[in-house]
Amino acid sequence: MNDQQRKALIEMTLLTGWKYSILNEAMSLLTDQSYTREQAGQKLLEVVADMGDSEQAYLSTAFGFETEKDH
C-alpha cells in the first residue's frame, strides 16, 4: 500500500467513525425530553462543528493533510 492509499484509508476510517458518532448524538438529542426539536438541532450542529474542527486538526497534524479551510 502506498502512502496516498494509506492516507485515504485512514481518512475514510475516521470519517466513518465520525458519521456513527454524529448519528448516535442525533438520536440521543432527539430522544432527550429536555431539548425541544430546535434546541436538539442546534446542539447537533455544534457537535458536528466540533468534530469537523478536531478532524481537521488531527489530519493536518498527524498526516500533513491540508484542507480547504487551511487555505
PDB file of N, CA and C in Angstrom:
ATOM      1  N   MET A   1       0.855  -1.168   0.000  1.00  0.00           N
ATOM      2  CA  MET A   1       0.000   0.000   0.000  1.00  0.00           C
ATOM      3  C   MET A   1       0.906   1.238   0.000  1.00  0.00           C
ATOM      4  N   ASN A   2       0.657   2.131  -0.947  1.00  0.00           N
ATOM      5  CA  ASN A   2       1.484   3.327  -0.993  1.00  0.00           C
ATOM      6  C   ASN A   2       0.962   4.383  -0.013  1.00  0.00           C
ATOM      7  N   ASP A   3       1.705   5.456   0.118  1.00  0.00           N
ATOM      8  CA  ASP A   3       1.389   6.495   1.104  1.00  0.00           C
ATOM      9  C   ASP A   3       0.027   7.134   0.842  1.00  0.00           C
ATOM     10  N   GLN A   4      -0.283   7.388  -0.424  1.00  0.00           N
ATOM     11  CA  GLN A   4      -1.569   8.010  -0.776  1.00  0.00           C
ATOM     12  C   GLN A   4      -2.733   7.086  -0.409  1.00  0.00           C
ATOM     13  N   GLN A   5      -2.599   5.806  -0.699  1.00  0.00           N
ATOM     14  CA  GLN A   5      -3.645   4.844  -0.356  1.00  0.00           C
ATOM     15  C   GLN A   5      -3.810   4.731   1.154  1.00  0.00           C
ATOM     16  N   ARG A   6      -2.699   4.743   1.868  1.00  0.00           N
ATOM     17  CA  ARG A   6      -2.748   4.658   3.330  1.00  0.00           C
ATOM     18  C   ARG A   6      -3.479   5.866   3.909  1.00  0.00           C
ATOM     19  N   LYS A   7      -3.163   7.051   3.415  1.00  0.00           N
ATOM     20  CA  LYS A   7      -3.830   8.264   3.893  1.00  0.00           C
ATOM     21  C   LYS A   7      -5.326   8.230   3.593  1.00  0.00           C
ATOM     22  N   ALA A   8      -5.681   7.771   2.390  1.00  0.00           N
ATOM     23  CA  ALA A   8      -7.092   7.689   2.017  1.00  0.00           C
ATOM     24  C   ALA A   8      -7.840   6.700   2.910  1.00  0.00           C
ATOM     25  N   LEU A   9      -7.217   5.570   3.209  1.00  0.00           N
ATOM     26  CA  LEU A   9      -7.841   4.572   4.081  1.00  0.00           C
ATOM     27  C   LEU A   9      -8.034   5.117   5.492  1.00  0.00           C
ATOM     28  N   ILE A  10      -7.029   5.806   6.007  1.00  0.00           N
ATOM     29  CA  ILE A  10      -7.133   6.392   7.347  1.00  0.00           C
ATOM     30  C   ILE A  10      -8.232   7.443   7.385  1.00  0.00           C
ATOM     31  N   GLU A  11      -8.286   8.305   6.372  1.00  0.00           N
ATOM     32  CA  GLU A  11      -9.315   9.342   6.331  1.00  0.00           C
ATOM     33  C   GLU A  11     -10.709   8.720   6.259  1.00  0.00           C
ATOM     34  N   MET A  12     -10.882   7.684   5.430  1.00  0.00           N
ATOM     35  CA  MET A  12     -12.179   7.025   5.310  1.00  0.00           C
ATOM     36  C   MET A  12     -12.590   6.393   6.641  1.00  0.00           C
ATOM     37  N   THR A  13     -11.647   5.781   7.326  1.00  0.00           N
ATOM     38  CA  THR A  13     -11.924   5.169   8.628  1.00  0.00           C
ATOM     39  C   THR A  13     -12.355   6.216   9.639  1.00  0.00           C
ATOM     40  N   LEU A  14     -11.653   7.336   9.674  1.00  0.00           N
ATOM     41  CA  LEU A  14     -12.018   8.414  10.595  1.00  0.00           C
ATOM     42  C   LEU A  14     -13.399   8.973  10.283  1.00  0.00           C
ATOM     43  N   LEU A  15     -13.674   9.197   9.008  1.00  0.00           N
ATOM     44  CA  LEU A  15     -14.969   9.751   8.624  1.00  0.00           C
ATOM     45  C   LEU A  15     -16.107   8.795   8.951  1.00  0.00           C
ATOM     46  N   THR A  16     -15.873   7.500   8.771  1.00  0.00           N
ATOM     47  CA  THR A  16     -16.892   6.509   9.123  1.00  0.00           C
ATOM     48  C   THR A  16     -17.175   6.545  10.615  1.00  0.00           C
ATOM     49  N   GLY A  17     -16.134   6.630  11.428  1.00  0.00           N
ATOM     50  CA  GLY A  17     -16.313   6.721  12.880  1.00  0.00           C
ATOM     51  C   GLY A  17     -17.077   7.963  13.274  1.00  0.00           C
ATOM     52  N   TRP A  18     -16.733   9.098  12.658  1.00  0.00           N
ATOM     53  CA  TRP A  18     -17.434  10.338  12.991  1.00  0.00           C
ATOM     54  C   TRP A  18     -18.891  10.292  12.541  1.00  0.00           C
ATOM     55  N   LYS A  19     -19.158   9.626  11.415  1.00  0.00           N
ATOM     56  CA  LYS A  19     -20.534   9.512  10.936  1.00  0.00           C
ATOM     57  C   LYS A  19     -21.391   8.795  11.983  1.00  0.00           C
ATOM     58  N   TYR A  20     -20.893   7.708  12.534  1.00  0.00           N
ATOM     59  CA  TYR A  20     -21.643   6.984  13.552  1.00  0.00           C
ATOM     60  C   TYR A  20     -21.759   7.790  14.841  1.00  0.00           C
ATOM     61  N   SER A  21     -20.735   8.545  15.171  1.00  0.00           N
ATOM     62  CA  SER A  21     -20.813   9.405  16.359  1.00  0.00           C
ATOM     63  C   SER A  21     -21.895  10.462  16.191  1.00  0.00           C
ATOM     64  N   ILE A  22     -21.976  11.040  15.008  1.00  0.00           N
ATOM     65  CA  ILE A  22     -22.992  12.059  14.737  1.00  0.00           C
ATOM     66  C   ILE A  22     -24.385  11.446  14.806  1.00  0.00           C
ATOM     67  N   LEU A  23     -24.562  10.281  14.208  1.00  0.00           N
ATOM     68  CA  LEU A  23     -25.873   9.623  14.251  1.00  0.00           C
ATOM     69  C   LEU A  23     -26.278   9.279  15.680  1.00  0.00           C
ATOM     70  N   ASN A  24     -25.343   8.778  16.471  1.00  0.00           N
ATOM     71  CA  ASN A  24     -25.647   8.457  17.865  1.00  0.00           C
ATOM     72  C   ASN A  24     -26.011   9.706  18.646  1.00  0.00           C
ATOM     73  N   GLU A  25     -25.271  10.786  18.430  1.00  0.00           N
ATOM     74  CA  GLU A  25     -25.566  12.049  19.110  1.00  0.00           C
ATOM     75  C   GLU A  25     -26.940  12.570  18.700  1.00  0.00           C
ATOM     76  N   ALA A  26     -27.261  12.466  17.422  1.00  0.00           N
ATOM     77  CA  ALA A  26     -28.564  12.922  16.935  1.00  0.00           C
ATOM     78  C   ALA A  26     -29.696  12.143  17.591  1.00  0.00           C
ATOM     79  N   MET A  27     -29.565  10.838  17.648  1.00  0.00           N
ATOM     80  CA  MET A  27     -30.613  10.023  18.267  1.00  0.00           C
ATOM     81  C   MET A  27     -30.746  10.336  19.750  1.00  0.00           C
ATOM     82  N   SER A  28     -29.632  10.530  20.411  1.00  0.00           N
ATOM     83  CA  SER A  28     -29.652  10.861  21.831  1.00  0.00           C
ATOM     84  C   SER A  28     -30.357  12.192  22.071  1.00  0.00           C
ATOM     85  N   LEU A  29     -30.020  13.188  21.264  1.00  0.00           N
ATOM     86  CA  LEU A  29     -30.632  14.507  21.423  1.00  0.00           C
ATOM     87  C   LEU A  29     -32.124  14.480  21.111  1.00  0.00           C
ATOM     88  N   LEU A  30     -32.505  13.735  20.094  1.00  0.00           N
ATOM     89  CA  LEU A  30     -33.917  13.697  19.711  1.00  0.00           C
ATOM     90  C   LEU A  30     -34.777  12.953  20.725  1.00  0.00           C
ATOM     91  N   THR A  31     -34.187  12.026  21.462  1.00  0.00           N
ATOM     92  CA  THR A  31     -34.964  11.299  22.467  1.00  0.00           C
ATOM     93  C   THR A  31     -34.880  11.936  23.848  1.00  0.00           C
ATOM     94  N   ASP A  32     -33.999  12.926  24.017  1.00  0.00           N
ATOM     95  CA  ASP A  32     -33.852  13.626  25.298  1.00  0.00           C
ATOM     96  C   ASP A  32     -35.013  14.604  25.454  1.00  0.00           C
ATOM     97  N   GLN A  33     -35.843  14.388  26.447  1.00  0.00           N
ATOM     98  CA  GLN A  33     -37.042  15.201  26.647  1.00  0.00           C
ATOM     99  C   GLN A  33     -36.746  16.632  27.086  1.00  0.00           C
ATOM    100  N   SER A  34     -35.511  16.910  27.513  1.00  0.00           N
ATOM    101  CA  SER A  34     -35.195  18.263  27.974  1.00  0.00           C
ATOM    102  C   SER A  34     -34.882  19.214  26.812  1.00  0.00           C
ATOM    103  N   TYR A  35     -34.757  18.701  25.606  1.00  0.00           N
ATOM    104  CA  TYR A  35     -34.492  19.534  24.434  1.00  0.00           C
ATOM    105  C   TYR A  35     -35.739  19.631  23.571  1.00  0.00           C
ATOM    106  N   THR A  36     -36.019  20.838  23.062  1.00  0.00           N
ATOM    107  CA  THR A  36     -37.015  20.949  22.000  1.00  0.00           C
ATOM    108  C   THR A  36     -36.340  20.473  20.719  1.00  0.00           C
ATOM    109  N   ARG A  37     -37.114  20.259  19.702  1.00  0.00           N
ATOM    110  CA  ARG A  37     -36.547  19.815  18.423  1.00  0.00           C
ATOM    111  C   ARG A  37     -35.534  20.840  17.893  1.00  0.00           C
ATOM    112  N   GLU A  38     -35.855  22.117  18.031  1.00  0.00           N
ATOM    113  CA  GLU A  38     -34.961  23.173  17.557  1.00  0.00           C
ATOM    114  C   GLU A  38     -33.665  23.203  18.369  1.00  0.00           C
ATOM    115  N   GLN A  39     -33.781  23.044  19.690  1.00  0.00           N
ATOM    116  CA  GLN A  39     -32.586  23.026  20.541  1.00  0.00           C
ATOM    117  C   GLN A  39     -31.708  21.818  20.214  1.00  0.00           C
ATOM    118  N   ALA A  40     -32.336  20.687  19.980  1.00  0.00           N
ATOM    119  CA  ALA A  40     -31.584  19.479  19.628  1.00  0.00           C
ATOM    120  C   ALA A  40     -30.847  19.684  18.307  1.00  0.00           C
ATOM    121  N   GLY A  41     -31.521  20.311  17.353  1.00  0.00           N
ATOM    122  CA  GLY A  41     -30.885  20.594  16.068  1.00  0.00           C
ATOM    123  C   GLY A  41     -29.689  21.514  16.213  1.00  0.00           C
ATOM    124  N   GLN A  42     -29.844  22.564  17.027  1.00  0.00           N
ATOM    125  CA  GLN A  42     -28.744  23.499  17.248  1.00  0.00           C
ATOM    126  C   GLN A  42     -27.568  22.808  17.940  1.00  0.00           C
ATOM    127  N   LYS A  43     -27.879  22.004  18.943  1.00  0.00           N
ATOM    128  CA  LYS A  43     -26.826  21.281  19.666  1.00  0.00           C
ATOM    129  C   LYS A  43     -26.083  20.328  18.724  1.00  0.00           C
ATOM    130  N   LEU A  44     -26.823  19.652  17.859  1.00  0.00           N
ATOM    131  CA  LEU A  44     -26.200  18.734  16.912  1.00  0.00           C
ATOM    132  C   LEU A  44     -25.276  19.487  15.954  1.00  0.00           C
ATOM    133  N   LEU A  45     -25.695  20.666  15.506  1.00  0.00           N
ATOM    134  CA  LEU A  45     -24.832  21.477  14.648  1.00  0.00           C
ATOM    135  C   LEU A  45     -23.530  21.834  15.359  1.00  0.00           C
ATOM    136  N   GLU A  46     -23.621  22.147  16.643  1.00  0.00           N
ATOM    137  CA  GLU A  46     -22.427  22.461  17.431  1.00  0.00           C
ATOM    138  C   GLU A  46     -21.508  21.242  17.542  1.00  0.00           C
ATOM    139  N   VAL A  47     -22.102  20.085  17.790  1.00  0.00           N
ATOM    140  CA  VAL A  47     -21.319  18.848  17.904  1.00  0.00           C
ATOM    141  C   VAL A  47     -20.605  18.543  16.588  1.00  0.00           C
ATOM    142  N   VAL A  48     -21.319  18.678  15.482  1.00  0.00           N
ATOM    143  CA  VAL A  48     -20.729  18.403  14.171  1.00  0.00           C
ATOM    144  C   VAL A  48     -19.597  19.388  13.875  1.00  0.00           C
ATOM    145  N   ALA A  49     -19.788  20.649  14.214  1.00  0.00           N
ATOM    146  CA  ALA A  49     -18.733  21.648  14.003  1.00  0.00           C
ATOM    147  C   ALA A  49     -17.494  21.299  14.818  1.00  0.00           C
ATOM    148  N   ASP A  50     -17.699  20.892  16.064  1.00  0.00           N
ATOM    149  CA  ASP A  50     -16.570  20.491  16.907  1.00  0.00           C
ATOM    150  C   ASP A  50     -15.850  19.280  16.324  1.00  0.00           C
ATOM    151  N   MET A  51     -16.605  18.317  15.814  1.00  0.00           N
ATOM    152  CA  MET A  51     -15.995  17.139  15.197  1.00  0.00           C
ATOM    153  C   MET A  51     -15.206  17.531  13.958  1.00  0.00           C
ATOM    154  N   GLY A  52     -15.754  18.445  13.178  1.00  0.00           N
ATOM    155  CA  GLY A  52     -15.049  18.899  11.981  1.00  0.00           C
ATOM    156  C   GLY A  52     -13.738  19.569  12.321  1.00  0.00           C
ATOM    157  N   ASP A  53     -13.752  20.398  13.359  1.00  0.00           N
ATOM    158  CA  ASP A  53     -12.522  21.064  13.786  1.00  0.00           C
ATOM    159  C   ASP A  53     -11.497  20.053  14.277  1.00  0.00           C
ATOM    160  N   SER A  54     -11.944  19.065  15.046  1.00  0.00           N
ATOM    161  CA  SER A  54     -10.999  18.073  15.562  1.00  0.00           C
ATOM    162  C   SER A  54     -10.484  17.181  14.436  1.00  0.00           C
ATOM    163  N   GLU A  55     -11.341  16.878  13.466  1.00  0.00           N
ATOM    164  CA  GLU A  55     -10.903  16.082  12.313  1.00  0.00           C
ATOM    165  C   GLU A  55      -9.822  16.828  11.550  1.00  0.00           C
ATOM    166  N   GLN A  56     -10.060  18.097  11.268  1.00  0.00           N
ATOM    167  CA  GLN A  56      -9.090  18.887  10.517  1.00  0.00           C
ATOM    168  C   GLN A  56      -7.764  18.960  11.264  1.00  0.00           C
ATOM    169  N   ALA A  57      -7.832  19.218  12.551  1.00  0.00           N
ATOM    170  CA  ALA A  57      -6.608  19.318  13.350  1.00  0.00           C
ATOM    171  C   ALA A  57      -5.857  17.991  13.362  1.00  0.00           C
ATOM    172  N   TYR A  58      -6.578  16.897  13.530  1.00  0.00           N
ATOM    173  CA  TYR A  58      -5.942  15.582  13.580  1.00  0.00           C
ATOM    174  C   TYR A  58      -5.268  15.248  12.252  1.00  0.00           C
ATOM    175  N   LEU A  59      -5.996  15.407  11.163  1.00  0.00           N
ATOM    176  CA  LEU A  59      -5.438  15.065   9.863  1.00  0.00           C
ATOM    177  C   LEU A  59      -4.264  15.967   9.502  1.00  0.00           C
ATOM    178  N   SER A  60      -4.385  17.249   9.808  1.00  0.00           N
ATOM    179  CA  SER A  60      -3.304  18.183   9.499  1.00  0.00           C
ATOM    180  C   SER A  60      -2.053  17.863  10.295  1.00  0.00           C
ATOM    181  N   THR A  61      -2.226  17.560  11.574  1.00  0.00           N
ATOM    182  CA  THR A  61      -1.084  17.297  12.444  1.00  0.00           C
ATOM    183  C   THR A  61      -0.462  15.932  12.165  1.00  0.00           C
ATOM    184  N   ALA A  62      -1.294  14.916  12.112  1.00  0.00           N
ATOM    185  CA  ALA A  62      -0.776  13.554  12.010  1.00  0.00           C
ATOM    186  C   ALA A  62      -0.247  13.209  10.623  1.00  0.00           C
ATOM    187  N   PHE A  63      -0.879  13.740   9.594  1.00  0.00           N
ATOM    188  CA  PHE A  63      -0.540  13.282   8.252  1.00  0.00           C
ATOM    189  C   PHE A  63      -0.163  14.399   7.296  1.00  0.00           C
ATOM    190  N   GLY A  64      -0.141  15.631   7.771  1.00  0.00           N
ATOM    191  CA  GLY A  64       0.225  16.739   6.907  1.00  0.00           C
ATOM    192  C   GLY A  64      -0.817  17.039   5.853  1.00  0.00           C
ATOM    193  N   PHE A  65      -2.067  16.629   6.099  1.00  0.00           N
ATOM    194  CA  PHE A  65      -3.133  16.937   5.154  1.00  0.00           C
ATOM    195  C   PHE A  65      -3.431  18.421   5.218  1.00  0.00           C
ATOM    196  N   GLU A  66      -3.781  18.986   4.068  1.00  0.00           N
ATOM    197  CA  GLU A  66      -4.294  20.347   4.052  1.00  0.00           C
ATOM    198  C   GLU A  66      -5.727  20.274   3.571  1.00  0.00           C
ATOM    199  N   THR A  67      -6.597  20.991   4.261  1.00  0.00           N
ATOM    200  CA  THR A  67      -7.992  21.035   3.859  1.00  0.00           C
ATOM    201  C   THR A  67      -8.275  22.399   3.271  1.00  0.00           C
ATOM    202  N   GLU A  68      -9.454  22.566   2.686  1.00  0.00           N
ATOM    203  CA  GLU A  68      -9.815  23.854   2.113  1.00  0.00           C
ATOM    204  C   GLU A  68      -9.820  24.950   3.162  1.00  0.00           C
ATOM    205  N   LYS A  69     -10.138  24.615   4.423  1.00  0.00           N
ATOM    206  CA  LYS A  69     -10.126  25.605   5.491  1.00  0.00           C
ATOM    207  C   LYS A  69      -8.717  26.108   5.767  1.00  0.00           C
ATOM    208  N   ASP A  70      -7.689  25.323   5.405  1.00  0.00           N
ATOM    209  CA  ASP A  70      -6.302  25.708   5.645  1.00  0.00           C
ATOM    210  C   ASP A  70      -5.845  26.810   4.698  1.00  0.00           C
ATOM    211  N   HIS A  71      -6.548  26.990   3.586  1.00  0.00           N
ATOM    212  CA  HIS A  71      -6.117  27.978   2.589  1.00  0.00           C
ATOM    213  C   HIS A  71      -6.768  29.302   2.826  1.00  0.00           C
TER     214      HIS A  71
END
